[in-house]
Amino acid sequence: MRSGSRLRDTELQLRIIQLIGNGDLPRWTPARIGASHDHRNVCVACDRQIAREDIEYDVHDERTGRQLNFHLDCCAVWQRECTRAAHEQGS
């Protein structure tokens, strides 16, 4: 079974941190994440197409109105980085 992005974990994490830092990805954990199949959009985190056999995870970016599409592993890393950033701000 495929897990989505082919980027290594560290490379993916650094890319997502950069995307959050420059405002291309929001810095909040979404209240709702949709899941769909067979849309074949490009993942906003790793910039690779989501394969037909992968589940696509969708988040509505309230700041821009954009639909953000993720691979499972990319979405998980993004959420983890948002949570980490929120904890750092709260400290």
Protein backbone atom coordinates (compact mmCIF):
# COMPACT_ATOMS: atom_id res chain seq x y z
CA MET A 1 0.00 0.00 0.00
CA ARG A 2 1.28 3.43 -0.89
CA SER A 3 1.55 6.11 1.75
CA GLY A 4 1.57 9.11 -0.57
CA SER A 5 4.52 11.42 -0.95
CA ARG A 6 7.87 9.98 -1.92
CA LEU A 7 9.78 12.64 -0.01
CA ARG A 8 11.85 11.45 2.94
CA ASP A 9 10.40 12.28 6.35
CA THR A 10 12.98 14.94 7.19
CA GLU A 11 12.74 16.53 3.76
CA LEU A 12 8.95 16.60 3.98
CA GLN A 13 9.02 18.09 7.48
CA LEU A 14 11.44 20.84 6.44
CA ARG A 15 9.39 21.64 3.34
CA ILE A 16 6.19 21.91 5.40
CA ILE A 17 7.89 24.12 8.01
CA GLN A 18 9.01 26.39 5.17
CA LEU A 19 5.51 26.47 3.62
CA ILE A 20 3.98 27.38 6.98
CA GLY A 21 6.67 30.00 7.61
CA ASN A 22 6.15 31.78 4.32
CA GLY A 23 2.34 31.60 4.57
CA ASP A 24 1.69 29.06 1.80
CA LEU A 25 0.17 26.67 4.36
CA PRO A 26 -1.92 27.84 7.31
CA ARG A 27 -0.57 27.55 10.84
CA TRP A 28 -3.69 26.06 12.42
CA THR A 29 -5.04 22.59 12.95
CA PRO A 30 -8.31 22.22 11.02
CA ALA A 31 -11.54 21.35 12.77
CA ARG A 32 -12.58 19.23 9.80
CA ILE A 33 -10.65 17.24 7.20
CA GLY A 34 -12.44 15.66 4.27
CA ALA A 35 -11.32 12.52 2.52
CA SER A 36 -12.00 11.56 -1.06
CA HIS A 37 -10.76 9.15 -3.63
CA ASP A 38 -9.71 9.32 -7.27
CA HIS A 39 -9.43 13.08 -7.80
CA ARG A 40 -5.72 13.05 -8.65
CA ASN A 41 -4.98 16.58 -7.43
CA VAL A 42 -1.51 17.82 -6.52
CA CYS A 43 -0.55 17.72 -2.84
CA VAL A 44 0.10 21.23 -1.50
CA ALA A 45 2.77 19.95 0.89
CA CYS A 46 5.03 17.88 -1.37
CA ASP A 47 3.91 19.24 -4.76
CA ARG A 48 3.38 15.73 -6.17
CA GLN A 49 0.24 14.34 -7.73
CA ILE A 50 -1.98 12.27 -5.45
CA ALA A 51 -2.30 8.89 -7.12
CA ARG A 52 -5.68 7.48 -8.04
CA GLU A 53 -5.27 4.65 -5.53
CA ASP A 54 -4.42 7.03 -2.66
CA ILE A 55 -6.99 8.73 -0.46
CA GLU A 56 -6.84 12.49 -0.80
CA TYR A 57 -7.26 14.59 2.35
CA ASP A 58 -8.91 17.97 1.84
CA VAL A 59 -8.89 21.06 4.04
CA HIS A 60 -10.63 24.36 3.36
CA ASP A 61 -8.21 27.25 3.95
CA GLU A 62 -10.38 29.88 5.61
CA ARG A 63 -7.78 32.58 4.99
CA THR A 64 -7.79 32.25 1.22
CA GLY A 65 -10.87 30.16 0.41
CA ARG A 66 -8.60 27.62 -1.29
CA GLN A 67 -9.08 23.88 -1.10
CA LEU A 68 -5.86 22.29 0.19
CA ASN A 69 -5.24 18.71 -0.96
CA PHE A 70 -2.82 16.40 0.85
CA HIS A 71 -1.46 12.88 0.85
CA LEU A 72 -2.10 11.15 4.19
CA ASP A 73 1.50 11.39 5.37
CA CYS A 74 1.81 15.02 4.22
CA CYS A 75 -1.38 15.98 6.05
CA ALA A 76 -0.15 14.26 9.22
CA VAL A 77 3.19 16.11 9.14
CA TRP A 78 1.42 19.43 8.50
CA GLN A 79 -0.93 18.87 11.46
CA ARG A 80 1.99 17.85 13.69
CA GLU A 81 3.91 21.02 12.74
CA CYS A 82 0.85 23.20 13.39
CA THR A 83 0.41 21.61 16.82
CA ARG A 84 4.11 22.04 17.59
CA ALA A 85 4.02 25.70 16.57
CA ALA A 86 0.93 26.32 18.71
CA HIS A 87 2.63 24.76 21.75
CA GLU A 88 5.75 26.85 21.18
CA GLN A 89 3.67 30.03 21.01
CA GLY A 90 1.84 29.08 24.22
CA SER A 91 5.09 28.52 26.14
